[in-house]
Amino acid sequence: MNLLPPPLPLSIAQVNRISLDMADSMCKLANAVALLGIEGDADDQMAIIKAEQDKVLNQIRQIFDLK
């Protein structure tokens, strides 16, 4: 049983851009998590983590047309 909504008619270029943006965000997330509390201000790092997580979630919502 497939629970995913039908894919949107995204172009290859759009999917490529979204994929690259998501990969960039995931790298920033991994870096911020690795340095959390070790280097720099933890509040600033948490803000980066939150912002990048939100970006990725918004991109997933865009791909699957979720509200």
N, C-alpha and C. Protein backbone atom coordinates (compact mmCIF):
# COMPACT_ATOMS: atom_id res chain seq x y z
N MET A 1 0.84 -1.18 0.00
CA MET A 1 0.00 0.00 0.00
C MET A 1 0.89 1.24 0.00
N ASN A 2 0.71 2.08 -0.98
CA ASN A 2 1.51 3.29 -1.10
C ASN A 2 0.80 4.44 -0.39
N LEU A 3 1.44 4.98 0.64
CA LEU A 3 0.84 6.07 1.40
C LEU A 3 1.30 7.44 0.93
N LEU A 4 2.24 7.47 -0.01
CA LEU A 4 2.73 8.74 -0.50
C LEU A 4 1.75 9.35 -1.50
N PRO A 5 1.63 10.69 -1.47
CA PRO A 5 0.77 11.33 -2.46
C PRO A 5 1.40 11.22 -3.84
N PRO A 6 0.61 11.40 -4.88
CA PRO A 6 1.19 11.35 -6.23
C PRO A 6 2.22 12.46 -6.40
N PRO A 7 3.30 12.19 -7.10
CA PRO A 7 4.34 13.21 -7.27
C PRO A 7 3.84 14.39 -8.10
N LEU A 8 4.39 15.53 -7.78
CA LEU A 8 4.08 16.73 -8.54
C LEU A 8 4.86 16.71 -9.85
N PRO A 9 4.38 17.41 -10.83
CA PRO A 9 5.11 17.45 -12.10
C PRO A 9 6.31 18.40 -12.01
N LEU A 10 7.33 18.00 -11.25
CA LEU A 10 8.53 18.82 -11.14
C LEU A 10 9.48 18.46 -12.28
N SER A 11 10.18 19.46 -12.74
CA SER A 11 11.17 19.21 -13.79
C SER A 11 12.42 18.60 -13.16
N ILE A 12 13.26 18.02 -13.99
CA ILE A 12 14.52 17.46 -13.52
C ILE A 12 15.36 18.56 -12.88
N ALA A 13 15.36 19.74 -13.46
CA ALA A 13 16.13 20.86 -12.91
C ALA A 13 15.63 21.25 -11.52
N GLN A 14 14.30 21.25 -11.34
CA GLN A 14 13.74 21.59 -10.03
C GLN A 14 14.11 20.54 -8.99
N VAL A 15 14.00 19.29 -9.35
CA VAL A 15 14.35 18.21 -8.42
C VAL A 15 15.84 18.28 -8.08
N ASN A 16 16.67 18.57 -9.07
CA ASN A 16 18.11 18.70 -8.85
C ASN A 16 18.39 19.83 -7.88
N ARG A 17 17.77 20.99 -8.08
CA ARG A 17 17.98 22.15 -7.21
C ARG A 17 17.56 21.83 -5.78
N ILE A 18 16.38 21.24 -5.64
CA ILE A 18 15.86 20.90 -4.31
C ILE A 18 16.79 19.89 -3.63
N SER A 19 17.26 18.92 -4.38
CA SER A 19 18.16 17.90 -3.81
C SER A 19 19.47 18.52 -3.34
N LEU A 20 20.02 19.42 -4.14
CA LEU A 20 21.27 20.08 -3.74
C LEU A 20 21.06 20.97 -2.53
N ASP A 21 19.94 21.68 -2.48
CA ASP A 21 19.62 22.53 -1.32
C ASP A 21 19.46 21.68 -0.06
N MET A 22 18.79 20.54 -0.19
CA MET A 22 18.61 19.66 0.96
C MET A 22 19.95 19.09 1.43
N ALA A 23 20.80 18.71 0.50
CA ALA A 23 22.12 18.19 0.87
C ALA A 23 22.95 19.25 1.58
N ASP A 24 22.89 20.48 1.11
CA ASP A 24 23.61 21.58 1.75
C ASP A 24 23.09 21.80 3.17
N SER A 25 21.78 21.78 3.33
CA SER A 25 21.19 21.96 4.66
C SER A 25 21.58 20.82 5.59
N MET A 26 21.60 19.60 5.09
CA MET A 26 21.96 18.46 5.93
C MET A 26 23.42 18.54 6.36
N CYS A 27 24.29 19.05 5.51
CA CYS A 27 25.70 19.24 5.89
C CYS A 27 25.81 20.30 6.99
N LYS A 28 25.08 21.39 6.84
CA LYS A 28 25.08 22.43 7.87
C LYS A 28 24.55 21.88 9.19
N LEU A 29 23.49 21.08 9.11
CA LEU A 29 22.93 20.46 10.32
C LEU A 29 23.96 19.56 10.99
N ALA A 30 24.60 18.71 10.23
CA ALA A 30 25.58 17.78 10.80
C ALA A 30 26.72 18.53 11.46
N ASN A 31 27.18 19.59 10.82
CA ASN A 31 28.26 20.39 11.37
C ASN A 31 27.83 21.07 12.66
N ALA A 32 26.65 21.65 12.67
CA ALA A 32 26.16 22.35 13.87
C ALA A 32 25.95 21.37 15.02
N VAL A 33 25.43 20.20 14.73
CA VAL A 33 25.22 19.19 15.78
C VAL A 33 26.57 18.72 16.33
N ALA A 34 27.53 18.50 15.45
CA ALA A 34 28.85 18.03 15.88
C ALA A 34 29.54 19.04 16.79
N LEU A 35 29.33 20.32 16.52
CA LEU A 35 30.01 21.36 17.30
C LEU A 35 29.17 21.89 18.46
N LEU A 36 27.96 21.38 18.61
CA LEU A 36 27.05 21.89 19.63
C LEU A 36 27.69 21.81 21.02
N GLY A 37 27.85 22.96 21.62
CA GLY A 37 28.40 23.04 22.97
C GLY A 37 29.91 22.91 23.04
N ILE A 38 30.56 22.64 21.92
CA ILE A 38 32.02 22.49 21.92
C ILE A 38 32.68 23.77 21.45
N GLU A 39 32.16 24.32 20.39
CA GLU A 39 32.77 25.51 19.79
C GLU A 39 31.68 26.53 19.53
N GLY A 40 31.88 27.74 19.99
CA GLY A 40 30.91 28.80 19.75
C GLY A 40 29.76 28.78 20.74
N ASP A 41 28.75 29.57 20.42
CA ASP A 41 27.59 29.75 21.28
C ASP A 41 26.53 28.70 20.96
N ALA A 42 26.11 27.96 21.98
CA ALA A 42 25.12 26.89 21.78
C ALA A 42 23.79 27.44 21.27
N ASP A 43 23.40 28.64 21.72
CA ASP A 43 22.14 29.23 21.24
C ASP A 43 22.21 29.52 19.75
N ASP A 44 23.34 30.05 19.30
CA ASP A 44 23.51 30.31 17.86
C ASP A 44 23.48 29.00 17.07
N GLN A 45 24.12 27.98 17.61
CA GLN A 45 24.14 26.68 16.93
C GLN A 45 22.74 26.08 16.86
N MET A 46 21.99 26.21 17.93
CA MET A 46 20.61 25.69 17.93
C MET A 46 19.75 26.45 16.92
N ALA A 47 19.99 27.75 16.78
CA ALA A 47 19.25 28.54 15.79
C ALA A 47 19.56 28.06 14.38
N ILE A 48 20.82 27.74 14.12
CA ILE A 48 21.21 27.20 12.81
C ILE A 48 20.54 25.86 12.58
N ILE A 49 20.56 24.99 13.58
CA ILE A 49 19.94 23.67 13.47
C ILE A 49 18.46 23.81 13.15
N LYS A 50 17.77 24.67 13.88
CA LYS A 50 16.33 24.88 13.68
C LYS A 50 16.05 25.41 12.27
N ALA A 51 16.82 26.40 11.84
CA ALA A 51 16.60 27.01 10.52
C ALA A 51 16.82 25.99 9.41
N GLU A 52 17.88 25.19 9.51
CA GLU A 52 18.17 24.21 8.46
C GLU A 52 17.14 23.08 8.46
N GLN A 53 16.69 22.67 9.65
CA GLN A 53 15.63 21.65 9.71
C GLN A 53 14.36 22.17 9.05
N ASP A 54 14.02 23.42 9.32
CA ASP A 54 12.83 24.01 8.72
C ASP A 54 12.95 24.05 7.20
N LYS A 55 14.14 24.39 6.69
CA LYS A 55 14.35 24.43 5.23
C LYS A 55 14.09 23.05 4.62
N VAL A 56 14.68 22.03 5.23
CA VAL A 56 14.52 20.67 4.70
C VAL A 56 13.06 20.24 4.74
N LEU A 57 12.39 20.50 5.86
CA LEU A 57 10.98 20.13 5.97
C LEU A 57 10.13 20.86 4.94
N ASN A 58 10.41 22.13 4.70
CA ASN A 58 9.66 22.88 3.69
C ASN A 58 9.90 22.32 2.29
N GLN A 59 11.13 21.90 2.02
CA GLN A 59 11.42 21.32 0.71
C GLN A 59 10.71 19.98 0.54
N ILE A 60 10.64 19.19 1.59
CA ILE A 60 9.89 17.93 1.53
C ILE A 60 8.41 18.21 1.30
N ARG A 61 7.89 19.21 2.00
CA ARG A 61 6.48 19.59 1.80
C ARG A 61 6.23 20.01 0.36
N GLN A 62 7.18 20.74 -0.22
CA GLN A 62 7.04 21.19 -1.61
C GLN A 62 7.02 20.00 -2.56
N ILE A 63 7.93 19.07 -2.37
CA ILE A 63 8.01 17.92 -3.26
C ILE A 63 6.73 17.10 -3.23
N PHE A 64 6.17 16.88 -2.04
CA PHE A 64 5.00 16.01 -1.90
C PHE A 64 3.70 16.79 -1.75
N ASP A 65 3.76 18.11 -1.98
CA ASP A 65 2.57 18.97 -1.92
C ASP A 65 1.83 18.80 -0.58
N LEU A 66 2.59 18.86 0.50
CA LEU A 66 2.01 18.77 1.84
C LEU A 66 1.79 20.17 2.38
N LYS A 67 0.76 20.33 3.16
CA LYS A 67 0.46 21.64 3.73
C LYS A 67 1.05 21.78 5.10
